[in-house]
Amino acid sequence: YTSTDDTGFTYLAEIPVEQDPKNLTRDMSIAKSPEGKALKFVHRGSYDNMDNTYEAITNHLDDKKLEAKDTFIEEYITDPLKTAEDKLVINVYVPLK
């Protein structure tokens, strides 16, 4: 997410590609993932519990005195349309400064 508040959130959707696609629509762009080291966390279960995962990530960063870059990256491993809510898996990558 790039921003969030009580009314909603803004995010960037990312899809890895081998080469730059042609004929992008006006609301699409090409960019690179952040460089450098990152930590990987795994969330298992309902999206309703994602706040708990992010709180645990923040606590871990604080405990280890690590500083994250401005963007966290979520990788959706399971398809929410085909997977039971309690079986969802999301990788959360935290690029470090």
PDB file of N, CA and C in Angstrom:
ATOM      1  N   TYR A   1       0.838  -1.180   0.000  1.00  0.00           N
ATOM      2  CA  TYR A   1       0.000   0.000   0.000  1.00  0.00           C
ATOM      3  C   TYR A   1       0.880   1.239   0.000  1.00  0.00           C
ATOM      4  N   THR A   2       0.461   2.242  -0.754  1.00  0.00           N
ATOM      5  CA  THR A   2       1.203   3.497  -0.740  1.00  0.00           C
ATOM      6  C   THR A   2       0.617   4.476   0.253  1.00  0.00           C
ATOM      7  N   SER A   3      -0.659   4.312   0.578  1.00  0.00           N
ATOM      8  CA  SER A   3      -1.283   5.119   1.631  1.00  0.00           C
ATOM      9  C   SER A   3      -2.563   4.433   2.087  1.00  0.00           C
ATOM     10  N   THR A   4      -2.939   4.730   3.319  1.00  0.00           N
ATOM     11  CA  THR A   4      -4.159   4.147   3.865  1.00  0.00           C
ATOM     12  C   THR A   4      -4.725   5.072   4.936  1.00  0.00           C
ATOM     13  N   ASP A   5      -6.045   5.081   5.051  1.00  0.00           N
ATOM     14  CA  ASP A   5      -6.717   5.829   6.112  1.00  0.00           C
ATOM     15  C   ASP A   5      -8.053   5.161   6.396  1.00  0.00           C
ATOM     16  N   ASP A   6      -8.891   5.797   7.186  1.00  0.00           N
ATOM     17  CA  ASP A   6     -10.163   5.185   7.580  1.00  0.00           C
ATOM     18  C   ASP A   6     -11.149   5.031   6.424  1.00  0.00           C
ATOM     19  N   THR A   7     -10.916   5.725   5.317  1.00  0.00           N
ATOM     20  CA  THR A   7     -11.853   5.669   4.193  1.00  0.00           C
ATOM     21  C   THR A   7     -11.407   4.729   3.082  1.00  0.00           C
ATOM     22  N   GLY A   8     -10.168   4.247   3.134  1.00  0.00           N
ATOM     23  CA  GLY A   8      -9.699   3.347   2.088  1.00  0.00           C
ATOM     24  C   GLY A   8      -8.189   3.343   1.986  1.00  0.00           C
ATOM     25  N   PHE A   9      -7.685   2.869   0.845  1.00  0.00           N
ATOM     26  CA  PHE A   9      -6.242   2.795   0.656  1.00  0.00           C
ATOM     27  C   PHE A   9      -5.898   2.926  -0.819  1.00  0.00           C
ATOM     28  N   THR A  10      -4.644   3.257  -1.065  1.00  0.00           N
ATOM     29  CA  THR A  10      -4.094   3.334  -2.412  1.00  0.00           C
ATOM     30  C   THR A  10      -2.955   2.328  -2.484  1.00  0.00           C
ATOM     31  N   TYR A  11      -2.827   1.644  -3.602  1.00  0.00           N
ATOM     32  CA  TYR A  11      -1.775   0.642  -3.723  1.00  0.00           C
ATOM     33  C   TYR A  11      -1.231   0.618  -5.142  1.00  0.00           C
ATOM     34  N   LEU A  12      -0.069   0.016  -5.290  1.00  0.00           N
ATOM     35  CA  LEU A  12       0.508  -0.260  -6.594  1.00  0.00           C
ATOM     36  C   LEU A  12       0.431  -1.764  -6.805  1.00  0.00           C
ATOM     37  N   ALA A  13      -0.106  -2.190  -7.924  1.00  0.00           N
ATOM     38  CA  ALA A  13      -0.138  -3.610  -8.265  1.00  0.00           C
ATOM     39  C   ALA A  13       1.093  -3.906  -9.110  1.00  0.00           C
ATOM     40  N   GLU A  14       1.797  -4.977  -8.773  1.00  0.00           N
ATOM     41  CA  GLU A  14       3.022  -5.325  -9.481  1.00  0.00           C
ATOM     42  C   GLU A  14       2.902  -6.711 -10.089  1.00  0.00           C
ATOM     43  N   ILE A  15       3.438  -6.839 -11.296  1.00  0.00           N
ATOM     44  CA  ILE A  15       3.482  -8.126 -11.977  1.00  0.00           C
ATOM     45  C   ILE A  15       4.876  -8.267 -12.578  1.00  0.00           C
ATOM     46  N   PRO A  16       5.626  -9.325 -12.226  1.00  0.00           N
ATOM     47  CA  PRO A  16       6.953  -9.494 -12.826  1.00  0.00           C
ATOM     48  C   PRO A  16       6.841  -9.816 -14.314  1.00  0.00           C
ATOM     49  N   VAL A  17       7.720  -9.213 -15.102  1.00  0.00           N
ATOM     50  CA  VAL A  17       7.731  -9.449 -16.547  1.00  0.00           C
ATOM     51  C   VAL A  17       9.162  -9.674 -17.009  1.00  0.00           C
ATOM     52  N   GLU A  18       9.317 -10.438 -18.079  1.00  0.00           N
ATOM     53  CA  GLU A  18      10.633 -10.708 -18.655  1.00  0.00           C
ATOM     54  C   GLU A  18      11.173  -9.495 -19.410  1.00  0.00           C
ATOM     55  N   GLN A  19      10.279  -8.788 -20.098  1.00  0.00           N
ATOM     56  CA  GLN A  19      10.683  -7.613 -20.871  1.00  0.00           C
ATOM     57  C   GLN A  19       9.568  -6.577 -20.815  1.00  0.00           C
ATOM     58  N   ASP A  20       9.908  -5.333 -21.150  1.00  0.00           N
ATOM     59  CA  ASP A  20       8.916  -4.259 -21.094  1.00  0.00           C
ATOM     60  C   ASP A  20       7.774  -4.542 -22.059  1.00  0.00           C
ATOM     61  N   PRO A  21       6.536  -4.569 -21.560  1.00  0.00           N
ATOM     62  CA  PRO A  21       5.391  -4.773 -22.454  1.00  0.00           C
ATOM     63  C   PRO A  21       5.160  -3.537 -23.321  1.00  0.00           C
ATOM     64  N   LYS A  22       4.592  -3.759 -24.471  1.00  0.00           N
ATOM     65  CA  LYS A  22       4.269  -2.659 -25.376  1.00  0.00           C
ATOM     66  C   LYS A  22       2.798  -2.290 -25.201  1.00  0.00           C
ATOM     67  N   ASN A  23       2.443  -1.106 -25.634  1.00  0.00           N
ATOM     68  CA  ASN A  23       1.050  -0.639 -25.646  1.00  0.00           C
ATOM     69  C   ASN A  23       0.409  -0.625 -24.258  1.00  0.00           C
ATOM     70  N   LEU A  24       1.100  -0.041 -23.286  1.00  0.00           N
ATOM     71  CA  LEU A  24       0.518   0.102 -21.951  1.00  0.00           C
ATOM     72  C   LEU A  24      -0.607   1.126 -21.979  1.00  0.00           C
ATOM     73  N   THR A  25      -1.610   0.917 -21.149  1.00  0.00           N
ATOM     74  CA  THR A  25      -2.669   1.916 -21.023  1.00  0.00           C
ATOM     75  C   THR A  25      -2.130   3.104 -20.225  1.00  0.00           C
ATOM     76  N   ARG A  26      -2.860   4.212 -20.233  1.00  0.00           N
ATOM     77  CA  ARG A  26      -2.390   5.438 -19.574  1.00  0.00           C
ATOM     78  C   ARG A  26      -2.218   5.272 -18.073  1.00  0.00           C
ATOM     79  N   ASP A  27      -2.957   4.368 -17.463  1.00  0.00           N
ATOM     80  CA  ASP A  27      -2.850   4.198 -16.015  1.00  0.00           C
ATOM     81  C   ASP A  27      -1.868   3.093 -15.609  1.00  0.00           C
ATOM     82  N   MET A  28      -1.034   2.651 -16.555  1.00  0.00           N
ATOM     83  CA  MET A  28      -0.026   1.631 -16.276  1.00  0.00           C
ATOM     84  C   MET A  28       1.362   2.219 -16.501  1.00  0.00           C
ATOM     85  N   SER A  29       2.349   1.661 -15.779  1.00  0.00           N
ATOM     86  CA  SER A  29       3.728   2.099 -15.955  1.00  0.00           C
ATOM     87  C   SER A  29       4.667   0.929 -15.676  1.00  0.00           C
ATOM     88  N   ILE A  30       5.920   1.101 -16.064  1.00  0.00           N
ATOM     89  CA  ILE A  30       6.959   0.104 -15.835  1.00  0.00           C
ATOM     90  C   ILE A  30       7.898   0.658 -14.768  1.00  0.00           C
ATOM     91  N   ALA A  31       8.284  -0.179 -13.807  1.00  0.00           N
ATOM     92  CA  ALA A  31       9.226   0.231 -12.771  1.00  0.00           C
ATOM     93  C   ALA A  31       9.983  -1.001 -12.290  1.00  0.00           C
ATOM     94  N   LYS A  32      11.033  -0.768 -11.526  1.00  0.00           N
ATOM     95  CA  LYS A  32      11.812  -1.861 -10.954  1.00  0.00           C
ATOM     96  C   LYS A  32      11.481  -2.012  -9.475  1.00  0.00           C
ATOM     97  N   SER A  33      11.613  -3.231  -8.990  1.00  0.00           N
ATOM     98  CA  SER A  33      11.462  -3.483  -7.554  1.00  0.00           C
ATOM     99  C   SER A  33      12.602  -2.796  -6.811  1.00  0.00           C
ATOM    100  N   PRO A  34      12.398  -2.501  -5.526  1.00  0.00           N
ATOM    101  CA  PRO A  34      13.473  -1.863  -4.756  1.00  0.00           C
ATOM    102  C   PRO A  34      14.719  -2.743  -4.709  1.00  0.00           C
ATOM    103  N   GLU A  35      15.887  -2.111  -4.781  1.00  0.00           N
ATOM    104  CA  GLU A  35      17.153  -2.840  -4.691  1.00  0.00           C
ATOM    105  C   GLU A  35      17.541  -3.027  -3.234  1.00  0.00           C
ATOM    106  N   GLY A  36      18.426  -3.970  -2.993  1.00  0.00           N
ATOM    107  CA  GLY A  36      18.976  -4.154  -1.659  1.00  0.00           C
ATOM    108  C   GLY A  36      18.366  -5.326  -0.921  1.00  0.00           C
ATOM    109  N   LYS A  37      18.675  -5.381   0.362  1.00  0.00           N
ATOM    110  CA  LYS A  37      18.205  -6.475   1.208  1.00  0.00           C
ATOM    111  C   LYS A  37      16.759  -6.256   1.628  1.00  0.00           C
ATOM    112  N   ALA A  38      16.079  -7.377   1.857  1.00  0.00           N
ATOM    113  CA  ALA A  38      14.690  -7.325   2.323  1.00  0.00           C
ATOM    114  C   ALA A  38      14.444  -8.510   3.248  1.00  0.00           C
ATOM    115  N   LEU A  39      13.505  -8.336   4.143  1.00  0.00           N
ATOM    116  CA  LEU A  39      13.043  -9.435   4.985  1.00  0.00           C
ATOM    117  C   LEU A  39      11.750  -9.976   4.394  1.00  0.00           C
ATOM    118  N   LYS A  40      11.560 -11.289   4.533  1.00  0.00           N
ATOM    119  CA  LYS A  40      10.330 -11.922   4.052  1.00  0.00           C
ATOM    120  C   LYS A  40       9.562 -12.468   5.250  1.00  0.00           C
ATOM    121  N   PHE A  41       8.293 -12.096   5.324  1.00  0.00           N
ATOM    122  CA  PHE A  41       7.380 -12.606   6.343  1.00  0.00           C
ATOM    123  C   PHE A  41       6.246 -13.315   5.616  1.00  0.00           C
ATOM    124  N   VAL A  42       5.640 -14.309   6.256  1.00  0.00           N
ATOM    125  CA  VAL A  42       4.550 -15.057   5.633  1.00  0.00           C
ATOM    126  C   VAL A  42       3.302 -14.928   6.498  1.00  0.00           C
ATOM    127  N   HIS A  43       2.222 -14.444   5.877  1.00  0.00           N
ATOM    128  CA  HIS A  43       0.919 -14.380   6.546  1.00  0.00           C
ATOM    129  C   HIS A  43       0.110 -15.580   6.074  1.00  0.00           C
ATOM    130  N   ARG A  44      -0.454 -16.305   7.030  1.00  0.00           N
ATOM    131  CA  ARG A  44      -1.330 -17.433   6.709  1.00  0.00           C
ATOM    132  C   ARG A  44      -2.679 -17.182   7.355  1.00  0.00           C
ATOM    133  N   GLY A  45      -3.730 -17.291   6.547  1.00  0.00           N
ATOM    134  CA  GLY A  45      -5.071 -17.117   7.091  1.00  0.00           C
ATOM    135  C   GLY A  45      -5.807 -15.943   6.479  1.00  0.00           C
ATOM    136  N   SER A  46      -6.863 -15.553   7.128  1.00  0.00           N
ATOM    137  CA  SER A  46      -7.782 -14.535   6.626  1.00  0.00           C
ATOM    138  C   SER A  46      -7.110 -13.177   6.438  1.00  0.00           C
ATOM    139  N   TYR A  47      -7.572 -12.460   5.421  1.00  0.00           N
ATOM    140  CA  TYR A  47      -7.133 -11.076   5.232  1.00  0.00           C
ATOM    141  C   TYR A  47      -7.519 -10.220   6.432  1.00  0.00           C
ATOM    142  N   ASP A  48      -8.577 -10.617   7.130  1.00  0.00           N
ATOM    143  CA  ASP A  48      -9.025  -9.855   8.298  1.00  0.00           C
ATOM    144  C   ASP A  48      -7.952  -9.772   9.378  1.00  0.00           C
ATOM    145  N   ASN A  49      -6.988 -10.689   9.348  1.00  0.00           N
ATOM    146  CA  ASN A  49      -5.927 -10.707  10.356  1.00  0.00           C
ATOM    147  C   ASN A  49      -4.616 -10.091   9.871  1.00  0.00           C
ATOM    148  N   MET A  50      -4.622  -9.447   8.712  1.00  0.00           N
ATOM    149  CA  MET A  50      -3.395  -8.845   8.177  1.00  0.00           C
ATOM    150  C   MET A  50      -2.836  -7.771   9.108  1.00  0.00           C
ATOM    151  N   ASP A  51      -3.709  -7.044   9.809  1.00  0.00           N
ATOM    152  CA  ASP A  51      -3.218  -6.029  10.750  1.00  0.00           C
ATOM    153  C   ASP A  51      -2.317  -6.657  11.808  1.00  0.00           C
ATOM    154  N   ASN A  52      -2.663  -7.863  12.256  1.00  0.00           N
ATOM    155  CA  ASN A  52      -1.828  -8.557  13.241  1.00  0.00           C
ATOM    156  C   ASN A  52      -0.454  -8.880  12.665  1.00  0.00           C
ATOM    157  N   THR A  53      -0.422  -9.287  11.398  1.00  0.00           N
ATOM    158  CA  THR A  53       0.849  -9.588  10.745  1.00  0.00           C
ATOM    159  C   THR A  53       1.703  -8.335  10.645  1.00  0.00           C
ATOM    160  N   TYR A  54       1.097  -7.239  10.219  1.00  0.00           N
ATOM    161  CA  TYR A  54       1.858  -5.994  10.100  1.00  0.00           C
ATOM    162  C   TYR A  54       2.325  -5.484  11.459  1.00  0.00           C
ATOM    163  N   GLU A  55       1.542  -5.690  12.492  1.00  0.00           N
ATOM    164  CA  GLU A  55       1.976  -5.304  13.840  1.00  0.00           C
ATOM    165  C   GLU A  55       3.170  -6.151  14.274  1.00  0.00           C
ATOM    166  N   ALA A  56       3.137  -7.455  13.969  1.00  0.00           N
ATOM    167  CA  ALA A  56       4.258  -8.338  14.301  1.00  0.00           C
ATOM    168  C   ALA A  56       5.510  -7.933  13.522  1.00  0.00           C
ATOM    169  N   ILE A  57       5.340  -7.555  12.258  1.00  0.00           N
ATOM    170  CA  ILE A  57       6.477  -7.105  11.449  1.00  0.00           C
ATOM    171  C   ILE A  57       7.087  -5.846  12.064  1.00  0.00           C
ATOM    172  N   THR A  58       6.244  -4.891  12.404  1.00  0.00           N
ATOM    173  CA  THR A  58       6.721  -3.643  13.003  1.00  0.00           C
ATOM    174  C   THR A  58       7.449  -3.909  14.316  1.00  0.00           C
ATOM    175  N   ASN A  59       6.894  -4.790  15.139  1.00  0.00           N
ATOM    176  CA  ASN A  59       7.550  -5.143  16.405  1.00  0.00           C
ATOM    177  C   ASN A  59       8.909  -5.792  16.164  1.00  0.00           C
ATOM    178  N   HIS A  60       8.993  -6.677  15.172  1.00  0.00           N
ATOM    179  CA  HIS A  60      10.261  -7.337  14.848  1.00  0.00           C
ATOM    180  C   HIS A  60      11.299  -6.309  14.401  1.00  0.00           C
ATOM    181  N   LEU A  61      10.894  -5.396  13.527  1.00  0.00           N
ATOM    182  CA  LEU A  61      11.822  -4.359  13.062  1.00  0.00           C
ATOM    183  C   LEU A  61      12.318  -3.517  14.235  1.00  0.00           C
ATOM    184  N   ASP A  62      11.409  -3.139  15.120  1.00  0.00           N
ATOM    185  CA  ASP A  62      11.790  -2.347  16.296  1.00  0.00           C
ATOM    186  C   ASP A  62      12.744  -3.125  17.203  1.00  0.00           C
ATOM    187  N   ASP A  63      12.418  -4.397  17.468  1.00  0.00           N
ATOM    188  CA  ASP A  63      13.255  -5.228  18.345  1.00  0.00           C
ATOM    189  C   ASP A  63      14.670  -5.385  17.796  1.00  0.00           C
ATOM    190  N   LYS A  64      14.781  -5.520  16.478  1.00  0.00           N
ATOM    191  CA  LYS A  64      16.085  -5.730  15.830  1.00  0.00           C
ATOM    192  C   LYS A  64      16.750  -4.423  15.416  1.00  0.00           C
ATOM    193  N   LYS A  65      16.077  -3.291  15.708  1.00  0.00           N
ATOM    194  CA  LYS A  65      16.580  -1.961  15.347  1.00  0.00           C
ATOM    195  C   LYS A  65      16.866  -1.859  13.848  1.00  0.00           C
ATOM    196  N   LEU A  66      15.911  -2.361  13.061  1.00  0.00           N
ATOM    197  CA  LEU A  66      16.002  -2.305  11.602  1.00  0.00           C
ATOM    198  C   LEU A  66      15.059  -1.232  11.087  1.00  0.00           C
ATOM    199  N   GLU A  67      15.455  -0.597   9.985  1.00  0.00           N
ATOM    200  CA  GLU A  67      14.622   0.446   9.399  1.00  0.00           C
ATOM    201  C   GLU A  67      14.189   0.011   8.001  1.00  0.00           C
ATOM    202  N   ALA A  68      12.893   0.056   7.768  1.00  0.00           N
ATOM    203  CA  ALA A  68      12.337  -0.354   6.477  1.00  0.00           C
ATOM    204  C   ALA A  68      12.270   0.839   5.530  1.00  0.00           C
ATOM    205  N   LYS A  69      12.338   0.526   4.235  1.00  0.00           N
ATOM    206  CA  LYS A  69      12.057   1.546   3.231  1.00  0.00           C
ATOM    207  C   LYS A  69      10.562   1.844   3.277  1.00  0.00           C
ATOM    208  N   ASP A  70      10.108   2.771   2.480  1.00  0.00           N
ATOM    209  CA  ASP A  70       8.725   3.239   2.548  1.00  0.00           C
ATOM    210  C   ASP A  70       7.691   2.243   2.035  1.00  0.00           C
ATOM    211  N   THR A  71       8.099   1.226   1.294  1.00  0.00           N
ATOM    212  CA  THR A  71       7.143   0.336   0.646  1.00  0.00           C
ATOM    213  C   THR A  71       7.302  -1.100   1.126  1.00  0.00           C
ATOM    214  N   PHE A  72       6.206  -1.726   1.501  1.00  0.00           N
ATOM    215  CA  PHE A  72       6.179  -3.164   1.751  1.00  0.00           C
ATOM    216  C   PHE A  72       5.538  -3.798   0.519  1.00  0.00           C
ATOM    217  N   ILE A  73       5.976  -5.001   0.176  1.00  0.00           N
ATOM    218  CA  ILE A  73       5.467  -5.668  -1.021  1.00  0.00           C
ATOM    219  C   ILE A  73       4.742  -6.941  -0.597  1.00  0.00           C
ATOM    220  N   GLU A  74       3.494  -7.067  -1.017  1.00  0.00           N
ATOM    221  CA  GLU A  74       2.710  -8.268  -0.731  1.00  0.00           C
ATOM    222  C   GLU A  74       2.659  -9.134  -1.984  1.00  0.00           C
ATOM    223  N   GLU A  75       2.969 -10.408  -1.819  1.00  0.00           N
ATOM    224  CA  GLU A  75       2.895 -11.384  -2.908  1.00  0.00           C
ATOM    225  C   GLU A  75       1.813 -12.392  -2.536  1.00  0.00           C
ATOM    226  N   TYR A  76       0.769 -12.430  -3.324  1.00  0.00           N
ATOM    227  CA  TYR A  76      -0.372 -13.303  -3.040  1.00  0.00           C
ATOM    228  C   TYR A  76      -0.094 -14.682  -3.627  1.00  0.00           C
ATOM    229  N   ILE A  77       0.178 -15.640  -2.759  1.00  0.00           N
ATOM    230  CA  ILE A  77       0.571 -16.986  -3.169  1.00  0.00           C
ATOM    231  C   ILE A  77      -0.640 -17.821  -3.554  1.00  0.00           C
ATOM    232  N   THR A  78      -1.724 -17.682  -2.831  1.00  0.00           N
ATOM    233  CA  THR A  78      -2.938 -18.445  -3.116  1.00  0.00           C
ATOM    234  C   THR A  78      -3.979 -17.536  -3.754  1.00  0.00           C
ATOM    235  N   ASP A  79      -4.856 -18.119  -4.518  1.00  0.00           N
ATOM    236  CA  ASP A  79      -5.920 -17.384  -5.201  1.00  0.00           C
ATOM    237  C   ASP A  79      -7.116 -17.251  -4.264  1.00  0.00           C
ATOM    238  N   PRO A  80      -7.483 -16.019  -3.876  1.00  0.00           N
ATOM    239  CA  PRO A  80      -8.591 -15.855  -2.931  1.00  0.00           C
ATOM    240  C   PRO A  80      -9.938 -16.319  -3.478  1.00  0.00           C
ATOM    241  N   LEU A  81     -10.047 -16.452  -4.787  1.00  0.00           N
ATOM    242  CA  LEU A  81     -11.297 -16.935  -5.373  1.00  0.00           C
ATOM    243  C   LEU A  81     -11.413 -18.454  -5.303  1.00  0.00           C
ATOM    244  N   LYS A  82     -10.264 -19.138  -5.120  1.00  0.00           N
ATOM    245  CA  LYS A  82     -10.264 -20.598  -5.126  1.00  0.00           C
ATOM    246  C   LYS A  82      -9.788 -21.210  -3.811  1.00  0.00           C
ATOM    247  N   THR A  83      -9.416 -20.373  -2.851  1.00  0.00           N
ATOM    248  CA  THR A  83      -8.816 -20.856  -1.608  1.00  0.00           C
ATOM    249  C   THR A  83      -9.683 -20.462  -0.421  1.00  0.00           C
ATOM    250  N   ALA A  84      -9.884 -21.396   0.487  1.00  0.00           N
ATOM    251  CA  ALA A  84     -10.626 -21.080   1.714  1.00  0.00           C
ATOM    252  C   ALA A  84      -9.909 -19.961   2.459  1.00  0.00           C
ATOM    253  N   GLU A  85     -10.690 -19.087   3.077  1.00  0.00           N
ATOM    254  CA  GLU A  85     -10.136 -17.904   3.740  1.00  0.00           C
ATOM    255  C   GLU A  85      -9.050 -18.260   4.758  1.00  0.00           C
ATOM    256  N   ASP A  86      -9.240 -19.333   5.506  1.00  0.00           N
ATOM    257  CA  ASP A  86      -8.255 -19.705   6.525  1.00  0.00           C
ATOM    258  C   ASP A  86      -7.006 -20.365   5.934  1.00  0.00           C
ATOM    259  N   LYS A  87      -6.994 -20.602   4.618  1.00  0.00           N
ATOM    260  CA  LYS A  87      -5.851 -21.231   3.942  1.00  0.00           C
ATOM    261  C   LYS A  87      -5.065 -20.240   3.075  1.00  0.00           C
ATOM    262  N   LEU A  88      -5.428 -18.968   3.096  1.00  0.00           N
ATOM    263  CA  LEU A  88      -4.742 -17.973   2.278  1.00  0.00           C
ATOM    264  C   LEU A  88      -3.291 -17.814   2.736  1.00  0.00           C
ATOM    265  N   VAL A  89      -2.394 -17.571   1.769  1.00  0.00           N
ATOM    266  CA  VAL A  89      -0.974 -17.356   2.060  1.00  0.00           C
ATOM    267  C   VAL A  89      -0.517 -16.103   1.319  1.00  0.00           C
ATOM    268  N   ILE A  90       0.101 -15.188   2.068  1.00  0.00           N
ATOM    269  CA  ILE A  90       0.610 -13.940   1.499  1.00  0.00           C
ATOM    270  C   ILE A  90       2.028 -13.735   2.011  1.00  0.00           C
ATOM    271  N   ASN A  91       2.988 -13.589   1.095  1.00  0.00           N
ATOM    272  CA  ASN A  91       4.346 -13.222   1.475  1.00  0.00           C
ATOM    273  C   ASN A  91       4.413 -11.705   1.572  1.00  0.00           C
ATOM    274  N   VAL A  92       5.026 -11.206   2.627  1.00  0.00           N
ATOM    275  CA  VAL A  92       5.215  -9.766   2.797  1.00  0.00           C
ATOM    276  C   VAL A  92       6.717  -9.505   2.805  1.00  0.00           C
ATOM    277  N   TYR A  93       7.194  -8.762   1.803  1.00  0.00           N
ATOM    278  CA  TYR A  93       8.604  -8.411   1.703  1.00  0.00           C
ATOM    279  C   TYR A  93       8.797  -6.999   2.235  1.00  0.00           C
ATOM    280  N   VAL A  94       9.804  -6.833   3.091  1.00  0.00           N
ATOM    281  CA  VAL A  94      10.090  -5.541   3.704  1.00  0.00           C
ATOM    282  C   VAL A  94      11.504  -5.127   3.296  1.00  0.00           C
ATOM    283  N   PRO A  95      11.626  -4.270   2.276  1.00  0.00           N
ATOM    284  CA  PRO A  95      12.949  -3.773   1.887  1.00  0.00           C
ATOM    285  C   PRO A  95      13.558  -2.936   3.017  1.00  0.00           C
ATOM    286  N   LEU A  96      14.844  -3.152   3.279  1.00  0.00           N
ATOM    287  CA  LEU A  96      15.522  -2.455   4.370  1.00  0.00           C
ATOM    288  C   LEU A  96      16.353  -1.290   3.848  1.00  0.00           C
ATOM    289  N   LYS A  97      16.438  -0.245   4.677  1.00  0.00           N
ATOM    290  CA  LYS A  97      17.295   0.908   4.343  1.00  0.00           C
ATOM    291  C   LYS A  97      18.733   0.554   4.600  1.00  0.00           C
TER     292      LYS A  97
END
